[in-house]
Amino acid sequence: MEKTTVFEGMRLPAMSEQEFRALGVDEVAYIKSYRVEGGLAWVVHAADGTALAVQKDVAGAIYSAEAQDLGVAAVH
């Protein structure tokens, strides 16, 4: 029997971790800061966590994501 999740009255099939990670991989990016020698680096990641670009500031990271036609998602 296939697992399902009820979401606002809809029954959705369960997704594997791999399927979930691939969701939006070509459409959404997130930006995360990392401490490096001399300060911070801003890394653009695809939805599956793959690093796509490294920039010196957040504005450059956003530009990099948008240049690759990726929307930037806010994560907490």
PDB file of N, CA and C in Angstrom:
ATOM      1  N   MET A   1       0.839  -1.180   0.000  1.00  0.00           N
ATOM      2  CA  MET A   1       0.000   0.000   0.000  1.00  0.00           C
ATOM      3  C   MET A   1       0.886   1.246   0.000  1.00  0.00           C
ATOM      4  N   GLU A   2       0.600   2.181  -0.888  1.00  0.00           N
ATOM      5  CA  GLU A   2       1.380   3.410  -1.016  1.00  0.00           C
ATOM      6  C   GLU A   2       0.996   4.395   0.074  1.00  0.00           C
ATOM      7  N   LYS A   3       2.002   5.028   0.678  1.00  0.00           N
ATOM      8  CA  LYS A   3       1.742   6.043   1.696  1.00  0.00           C
ATOM      9  C   LYS A   3       1.195   7.295   1.034  1.00  0.00           C
ATOM     10  N   THR A   4       0.308   7.969   1.722  1.00  0.00           N
ATOM     11  CA  THR A   4      -0.199   9.245   1.239  1.00  0.00           C
ATOM     12  C   THR A   4      -0.219  10.230   2.400  1.00  0.00           C
ATOM     13  N   THR A   5      -0.245  11.492   2.052  1.00  0.00           N
ATOM     14  CA  THR A   5      -0.329  12.558   3.030  1.00  0.00           C
ATOM     15  C   THR A   5      -1.567  13.378   2.730  1.00  0.00           C
ATOM     16  N   VAL A   6      -2.330  13.713   3.746  1.00  0.00           N
ATOM     17  CA  VAL A   6      -3.512  14.540   3.552  1.00  0.00           C
ATOM     18  C   VAL A   6      -3.099  15.988   3.748  1.00  0.00           C
ATOM     19  N   PHE A   7      -3.373  16.815   2.756  1.00  0.00           N
ATOM     20  CA  PHE A   7      -3.017  18.229   2.786  1.00  0.00           C
ATOM     21  C   PHE A   7      -4.218  19.027   2.313  1.00  0.00           C
ATOM     22  N   GLU A   8      -4.844  19.751   3.210  1.00  0.00           N
ATOM     23  CA  GLU A   8      -6.020  20.560   2.892  1.00  0.00           C
ATOM     24  C   GLU A   8      -7.041  19.758   2.091  1.00  0.00           C
ATOM     25  N   GLY A   9      -7.326  18.564   2.562  1.00  0.00           N
ATOM     26  CA  GLY A   9      -8.343  17.748   1.916  1.00  0.00           C
ATOM     27  C   GLY A   9      -7.876  16.991   0.694  1.00  0.00           C
ATOM     28  N   MET A  10      -6.619  17.135   0.298  1.00  0.00           N
ATOM     29  CA  MET A  10      -6.094  16.435  -0.871  1.00  0.00           C
ATOM     30  C   MET A  10      -5.198  15.289  -0.407  1.00  0.00           C
ATOM     31  N   ARG A  11      -5.240  14.189  -1.097  1.00  0.00           N
ATOM     32  CA  ARG A  11      -4.363  13.071  -0.787  1.00  0.00           C
ATOM     33  C   ARG A  11      -3.205  13.111  -1.784  1.00  0.00           C
ATOM     34  N   LEU A  12      -2.002  13.219  -1.258  1.00  0.00           N
ATOM     35  CA  LEU A  12      -0.811  13.321  -2.089  1.00  0.00           C
ATOM     36  C   LEU A  12       0.058  12.088  -1.879  1.00  0.00           C
ATOM     37  N   PRO A  13       0.686  11.590  -2.945  1.00  0.00           N
ATOM     38  CA  PRO A  13       1.576  10.437  -2.775  1.00  0.00           C
ATOM     39  C   PRO A  13       2.818  10.833  -1.982  1.00  0.00           C
ATOM     40  N   ALA A  14       3.355   9.895  -1.241  1.00  0.00           N
ATOM     41  CA  ALA A  14       4.582  10.140  -0.493  1.00  0.00           C
ATOM     42  C   ALA A  14       5.737  10.305  -1.479  1.00  0.00           C
ATOM     43  N   MET A  15       6.689  11.154  -1.131  1.00  0.00           N
ATOM     44  CA  MET A  15       7.863  11.376  -1.970  1.00  0.00           C
ATOM     45  C   MET A  15       9.090  10.838  -1.251  1.00  0.00           C
ATOM     46  N   SER A  16       9.967  10.231  -2.023  1.00  0.00           N
ATOM     47  CA  SER A  16      11.227   9.786  -1.432  1.00  0.00           C
ATOM     48  C   SER A  16      12.088  11.018  -1.161  1.00  0.00           C
ATOM     49  N   GLU A  17      13.123  10.860  -0.348  1.00  0.00           N
ATOM     50  CA  GLU A  17      14.029  11.977  -0.071  1.00  0.00           C
ATOM     51  C   GLU A  17      14.660  12.474  -1.370  1.00  0.00           C
ATOM     52  N   GLN A  18      15.025  11.563  -2.258  1.00  0.00           N
ATOM     53  CA  GLN A  18      15.638  11.941  -3.539  1.00  0.00           C
ATOM     54  C   GLN A  18      14.646  12.727  -4.400  1.00  0.00           C
ATOM     55  N   GLU A  19      13.384  12.297  -4.449  1.00  0.00           N
ATOM     56  CA  GLU A  19      12.372  13.018  -5.224  1.00  0.00           C
ATOM     57  C   GLU A  19      12.138  14.404  -4.638  1.00  0.00           C
ATOM     58  N   PHE A  20      12.099  14.490  -3.304  1.00  0.00           N
ATOM     59  CA  PHE A  20      11.887  15.780  -2.654  1.00  0.00           C
ATOM     60  C   PHE A  20      13.034  16.730  -2.949  1.00  0.00           C
ATOM     61  N   ARG A  21      14.282  16.224  -2.886  1.00  0.00           N
ATOM     62  CA  ARG A  21      15.453  17.069  -3.163  1.00  0.00           C
ATOM     63  C   ARG A  21      15.448  17.584  -4.598  1.00  0.00           C
ATOM     64  N   ALA A  22      14.928  16.786  -5.539  1.00  0.00           N
ATOM     65  CA  ALA A  22      14.909  17.180  -6.946  1.00  0.00           C
ATOM     66  C   ALA A  22      13.803  18.191  -7.243  1.00  0.00           C
ATOM     67  N   LEU A  23      12.837  18.326  -6.331  1.00  0.00           N
ATOM     68  CA  LEU A  23      11.725  19.231  -6.535  1.00  0.00           C
ATOM     69  C   LEU A  23      12.220  20.670  -6.645  1.00  0.00           C
ATOM     70  N   GLY A  24      11.998  21.284  -7.771  1.00  0.00           N
ATOM     71  CA  GLY A  24      12.377  22.672  -7.970  1.00  0.00           C
ATOM     72  C   GLY A  24      13.854  22.907  -8.230  1.00  0.00           C
ATOM     73  N   VAL A  25      14.627  21.840  -8.444  1.00  0.00           N
ATOM     74  CA  VAL A  25      16.081  21.990  -8.586  1.00  0.00           C
ATOM     75  C   VAL A  25      16.466  22.922  -9.732  1.00  0.00           C
ATOM     76  N   ASP A  26      15.659  22.996 -10.772  1.00  0.00           N
ATOM     77  CA  ASP A  26      15.956  23.865 -11.908  1.00  0.00           C
ATOM     78  C   ASP A  26      15.245  25.206 -11.821  1.00  0.00           C
ATOM     79  N   GLU A  27      14.560  25.459 -10.702  1.00  0.00           N
ATOM     80  CA  GLU A  27      13.762  26.672 -10.600  1.00  0.00           C
ATOM     81  C   GLU A  27      14.068  27.526  -9.378  1.00  0.00           C
ATOM     82  N   VAL A  28      14.531  26.896  -8.310  1.00  0.00           N
ATOM     83  CA  VAL A  28      14.687  27.603  -7.038  1.00  0.00           C
ATOM     84  C   VAL A  28      16.113  27.468  -6.521  1.00  0.00           C
ATOM     85  N   ALA A  29      16.603  28.543  -5.928  1.00  0.00           N
ATOM     86  CA  ALA A  29      17.925  28.528  -5.298  1.00  0.00           C
ATOM     87  C   ALA A  29      17.796  29.117  -3.899  1.00  0.00           C
ATOM     88  N   TYR A  30      18.751  28.781  -3.065  1.00  0.00           N
ATOM     89  CA  TYR A  30      18.845  29.459  -1.777  1.00  0.00           C
ATOM     90  C   TYR A  30      20.283  29.911  -1.592  1.00  0.00           C
ATOM     91  N   ILE A  31      20.455  30.929  -0.796  1.00  0.00           N
ATOM     92  CA  ILE A  31      21.770  31.531  -0.567  1.00  0.00           C
ATOM     93  C   ILE A  31      22.116  31.376   0.901  1.00  0.00           C
ATOM     94  N   LYS A  32      23.321  30.929   1.142  1.00  0.00           N
ATOM     95  CA  LYS A  32      23.765  30.697   2.514  1.00  0.00           C
ATOM     96  C   LYS A  32      25.134  31.344   2.702  1.00  0.00           C
ATOM     97  N   SER A  33      25.333  31.953   3.869  1.00  0.00           N
ATOM     98  CA  SER A  33      26.635  32.566   4.156  1.00  0.00           C
ATOM     99  C   SER A  33      27.534  31.536   4.842  1.00  0.00           C
ATOM    100  N   TYR A  34      28.806  31.641   4.559  1.00  0.00           N
ATOM    101  CA  TYR A  34      29.822  30.778   5.169  1.00  0.00           C
ATOM    102  C   TYR A  34      30.963  31.642   5.652  1.00  0.00           C
ATOM    103  N   ARG A  35      31.510  31.318   6.812  1.00  0.00           N
ATOM    104  CA  ARG A  35      32.695  32.017   7.322  1.00  0.00           C
ATOM    105  C   ARG A  35      33.918  31.467   6.612  1.00  0.00           C
ATOM    106  N   VAL A  36      34.696  32.371   6.054  1.00  0.00           N
ATOM    107  CA  VAL A  36      35.959  32.016   5.401  1.00  0.00           C
ATOM    108  C   VAL A  36      37.028  32.963   5.933  1.00  0.00           C
ATOM    109  N   GLU A  37      38.264  32.657   5.650  1.00  0.00           N
ATOM    110  CA  GLU A  37      39.326  33.574   6.072  1.00  0.00           C
ATOM    111  C   GLU A  37      39.059  34.946   5.484  1.00  0.00           C
ATOM    112  N   GLY A  38      39.072  35.932   6.309  1.00  0.00           N
ATOM    113  CA  GLY A  38      38.860  37.291   5.833  1.00  0.00           C
ATOM    114  C   GLY A  38      37.406  37.733   5.821  1.00  0.00           C
ATOM    115  N   GLY A  39      36.470  36.930   6.294  1.00  0.00           N
ATOM    116  CA  GLY A  39      35.081  37.389   6.333  1.00  0.00           C
ATOM    117  C   GLY A  39      34.068  36.337   5.969  1.00  0.00           C
ATOM    118  N   LEU A  40      33.079  36.774   5.183  1.00  0.00           N
ATOM    119  CA  LEU A  40      31.994  35.884   4.768  1.00  0.00           C
ATOM    120  C   LEU A  40      32.035  35.663   3.266  1.00  0.00           C
ATOM    121  N   ALA A  41      31.571  34.497   2.842  1.00  0.00           N
ATOM    122  CA  ALA A  41      31.322  34.206   1.433  1.00  0.00           C
ATOM    123  C   ALA A  41      29.855  33.831   1.329  1.00  0.00           C
ATOM    124  N   TRP A  42      29.227  34.171   0.235  1.00  0.00           N
ATOM    125  CA  TRP A  42      27.820  33.873   0.004  1.00  0.00           C
ATOM    126  C   TRP A  42      27.739  32.847  -1.108  1.00  0.00           C
ATOM    127  N   VAL A  43      27.130  31.696  -0.817  1.00  0.00           N
ATOM    128  CA  VAL A  43      27.084  30.591  -1.772  1.00  0.00           C
ATOM    129  C   VAL A  43      25.645  30.393  -2.237  1.00  0.00           C
ATOM    130  N   VAL A  44      25.481  30.325  -3.558  1.00  0.00           N
ATOM    131  CA  VAL A  44      24.183  30.037  -4.165  1.00  0.00           C
ATOM    132  C   VAL A  44      24.079  28.527  -4.308  1.00  0.00           C
ATOM    133  N   HIS A  45      22.992  27.957  -3.777  1.00  0.00           N
ATOM    134  CA  HIS A  45      22.762  26.521  -3.846  1.00  0.00           C
ATOM    135  C   HIS A  45      21.499  26.233  -4.649  1.00  0.00           C
ATOM    136  N   ALA A  46      21.521  25.179  -5.454  1.00  0.00           N
ATOM    137  CA  ALA A  46      20.302  24.690  -6.095  1.00  0.00           C
ATOM    138  C   ALA A  46      19.417  24.085  -5.016  1.00  0.00           C
ATOM    139  N   ALA A  47      18.172  23.834  -5.336  1.00  0.00           N
ATOM    140  CA  ALA A  47      17.232  23.292  -4.360  1.00  0.00           C
ATOM    141  C   ALA A  47      17.710  21.981  -3.747  1.00  0.00           C
ATOM    142  N   ASP A  48      18.519  21.221  -4.475  1.00  0.00           N
ATOM    143  CA  ASP A  48      19.013  19.944  -3.947  1.00  0.00           C
ATOM    144  C   ASP A  48      20.282  20.088  -3.126  1.00  0.00           C
ATOM    145  N   GLY A  49      20.757  21.327  -2.937  1.00  0.00           N
ATOM    146  CA  GLY A  49      21.942  21.574  -2.121  1.00  0.00           C
ATOM    147  C   GLY A  49      23.232  21.729  -2.896  1.00  0.00           C
ATOM    148  N   THR A  50      23.201  21.500  -4.204  1.00  0.00           N
ATOM    149  CA  THR A  50      24.397  21.648  -5.025  1.00  0.00           C
ATOM    150  C   THR A  50      24.845  23.106  -5.049  1.00  0.00           C
ATOM    151  N   ALA A  51      26.125  23.358  -4.741  1.00  0.00           N
ATOM    152  CA  ALA A  51      26.659  24.723  -4.795  1.00  0.00           C
ATOM    153  C   ALA A  51      26.822  25.145  -6.246  1.00  0.00           C
ATOM    154  N   LEU A  52      26.298  26.323  -6.580  1.00  0.00           N
ATOM    155  CA  LEU A  52      26.332  26.813  -7.957  1.00  0.00           C
ATOM    156  C   LEU A  52      27.275  27.990  -8.155  1.00  0.00           C
ATOM    157  N   ALA A  53      27.430  28.833  -7.140  1.00  0.00           N
ATOM    158  CA  ALA A  53      28.275  30.024  -7.271  1.00  0.00           C
ATOM    159  C   ALA A  53      28.679  30.508  -5.891  1.00  0.00           C
ATOM    160  N   VAL A  54      29.830  31.172  -5.826  1.00  0.00           N
ATOM    161  CA  VAL A  54      30.320  31.789  -4.591  1.00  0.00           C
ATOM    162  C   VAL A  54      30.561  33.257  -4.890  1.00  0.00           C
ATOM    163  N   GLN A  55      30.044  34.116  -4.010  1.00  0.00           N
ATOM    164  CA  GLN A  55      30.197  35.560  -4.197  1.00  0.00           C
ATOM    165  C   GLN A  55      30.684  36.207  -2.910  1.00  0.00           C
ATOM    166  N   LYS A  56      31.209  37.422  -3.038  1.00  0.00           N
ATOM    167  CA  LYS A  56      31.717  38.167  -1.874  1.00  0.00           C
ATOM    168  C   LYS A  56      30.609  38.828  -1.078  1.00  0.00           C
ATOM    169  N   ASP A  57      29.441  39.068  -1.716  1.00  0.00           N
ATOM    170  CA  ASP A  57      28.343  39.715  -1.005  1.00  0.00           C
ATOM    171  C   ASP A  57      27.005  39.117  -1.437  1.00  0.00           C
ATOM    172  N   VAL A  58      25.980  39.398  -0.658  1.00  0.00           N
ATOM    173  CA  VAL A  58      24.670  38.815  -0.920  1.00  0.00           C
ATOM    174  C   VAL A  58      24.075  39.333  -2.229  1.00  0.00           C
ATOM    175  N   ALA A  59      24.332  40.593  -2.557  1.00  0.00           N
ATOM    176  CA  ALA A  59      23.810  41.145  -3.809  1.00  0.00           C
ATOM    177  C   ALA A  59      24.380  40.382  -5.011  1.00  0.00           C
ATOM    178  N   GLY A  60      25.668  40.070  -4.951  1.00  0.00           N
ATOM    179  CA  GLY A  60      26.285  39.292  -6.024  1.00  0.00           C
ATOM    180  C   GLY A  60      25.714  37.894  -6.109  1.00  0.00           C
ATOM    181  N   ALA A  61      25.397  37.306  -4.970  1.00  0.00           N
ATOM    182  CA  ALA A  61      24.809  35.964  -4.949  1.00  0.00           C
ATOM    183  C   ALA A  61      23.412  35.977  -5.553  1.00  0.00           C
ATOM    184  N   ILE A  62      22.627  36.989  -5.206  1.00  0.00           N
ATOM    185  CA  ILE A  62      21.287  37.104  -5.790  1.00  0.00           C
ATOM    186  C   ILE A  62      21.389  37.287  -7.295  1.00  0.00           C
ATOM    187  N   TYR A  63      22.306  38.141  -7.738  1.00  0.00           N
ATOM    188  CA  TYR A  63      22.503  38.349  -9.171  1.00  0.00           C
ATOM    189  C   TYR A  63      22.884  37.037  -9.858  1.00  0.00           C
ATOM    190  N   SER A  64      23.764  36.254  -9.243  1.00  0.00           N
ATOM    191  CA  SER A  64      24.177  34.971  -9.821  1.00  0.00           C
ATOM    192  C   SER A  64      22.996  34.027  -9.983  1.00  0.00           C
ATOM    193  N   ALA A  65      22.140  33.964  -8.972  1.00  0.00           N
ATOM    194  CA  ALA A  65      20.961  33.097  -9.041  1.00  0.00           C
ATOM    195  C   ALA A  65      20.025  33.554 -10.153  1.00  0.00           C
ATOM    196  N   GLU A  66      19.762  34.850 -10.196  1.00  0.00           N
ATOM    197  CA  GLU A  66      18.855  35.378 -11.210  1.00  0.00           C
ATOM    198  C   GLU A  66      19.421  35.224 -12.610  1.00  0.00           C
ATOM    199  N   ALA A  67      20.739  35.321 -12.759  1.00  0.00           N
ATOM    200  CA  ALA A  67      21.374  35.145 -14.067  1.00  0.00           C
ATOM    201  C   ALA A  67      21.210  33.718 -14.584  1.00  0.00           C
ATOM    202  N   GLN A  68      20.978  32.789 -13.664  1.00  0.00           N
ATOM    203  CA  GLN A  68      20.751  31.394 -14.042  1.00  0.00           C
ATOM    204  C   GLN A  68      19.256  31.065 -14.076  1.00  0.00           C
ATOM    205  N   ASP A  69      18.421  32.113 -14.112  1.00  0.00           N
ATOM    206  CA  ASP A  69      16.961  31.969 -14.143  1.00  0.00           C
ATOM    207  C   ASP A  69      16.414  31.189 -12.953  1.00  0.00           C
ATOM    208  N   LEU A  70      17.011  31.389 -11.791  1.00  0.00           N
ATOM    209  CA  LEU A  70      16.554  30.734 -10.577  1.00  0.00           C
ATOM    210  C   LEU A  70      15.916  31.751  -9.659  1.00  0.00           C
ATOM    211  N   GLY A  71      14.775  31.417  -9.097  1.00  0.00           N
ATOM    212  CA  GLY A  71      14.160  32.243  -8.076  1.00  0.00           C
ATOM    213  C   GLY A  71      14.857  31.989  -6.760  1.00  0.00           C
ATOM    214  N   VAL A  72      14.976  33.002  -5.945  1.00  0.00           N
ATOM    215  CA  VAL A  72      15.648  32.849  -4.645  1.00  0.00           C
ATOM    216  C   VAL A  72      14.599  32.666  -3.563  1.00  0.00           C
ATOM    217  N   ALA A  73      14.728  31.597  -2.807  1.00  0.00           N
ATOM    218  CA  ALA A  73      13.800  31.303  -1.714  1.00  0.00           C
ATOM    219  C   ALA A  73      14.418  31.692  -0.384  1.00  0.00           C
ATOM    220  N   ALA A  74      13.599  32.254   0.488  1.00  0.00           N
ATOM    221  CA  ALA A  74      14.048  32.574   1.832  1.00  0.00           C
ATOM    222  C   ALA A  74      13.955  31.320   2.676  1.00  0.00           C
ATOM    223  N   VAL A  75      15.021  30.982   3.367  1.00  0.00           N
ATOM    224  CA  VAL A  75      15.010  29.838   4.278  1.00  0.00           C
ATOM    225  C   VAL A  75      15.416  30.314   5.654  1.00  0.00           C
ATOM    226  N   HIS A  76      14.927  29.648   6.672  1.00  0.00           N
ATOM    227  CA  HIS A  76      15.214  30.062   8.056  1.00  0.00           C
ATOM    228  C   HIS A  76      15.959  28.975   8.752  1.00  0.00           C
TER     229      HIS A  76
END
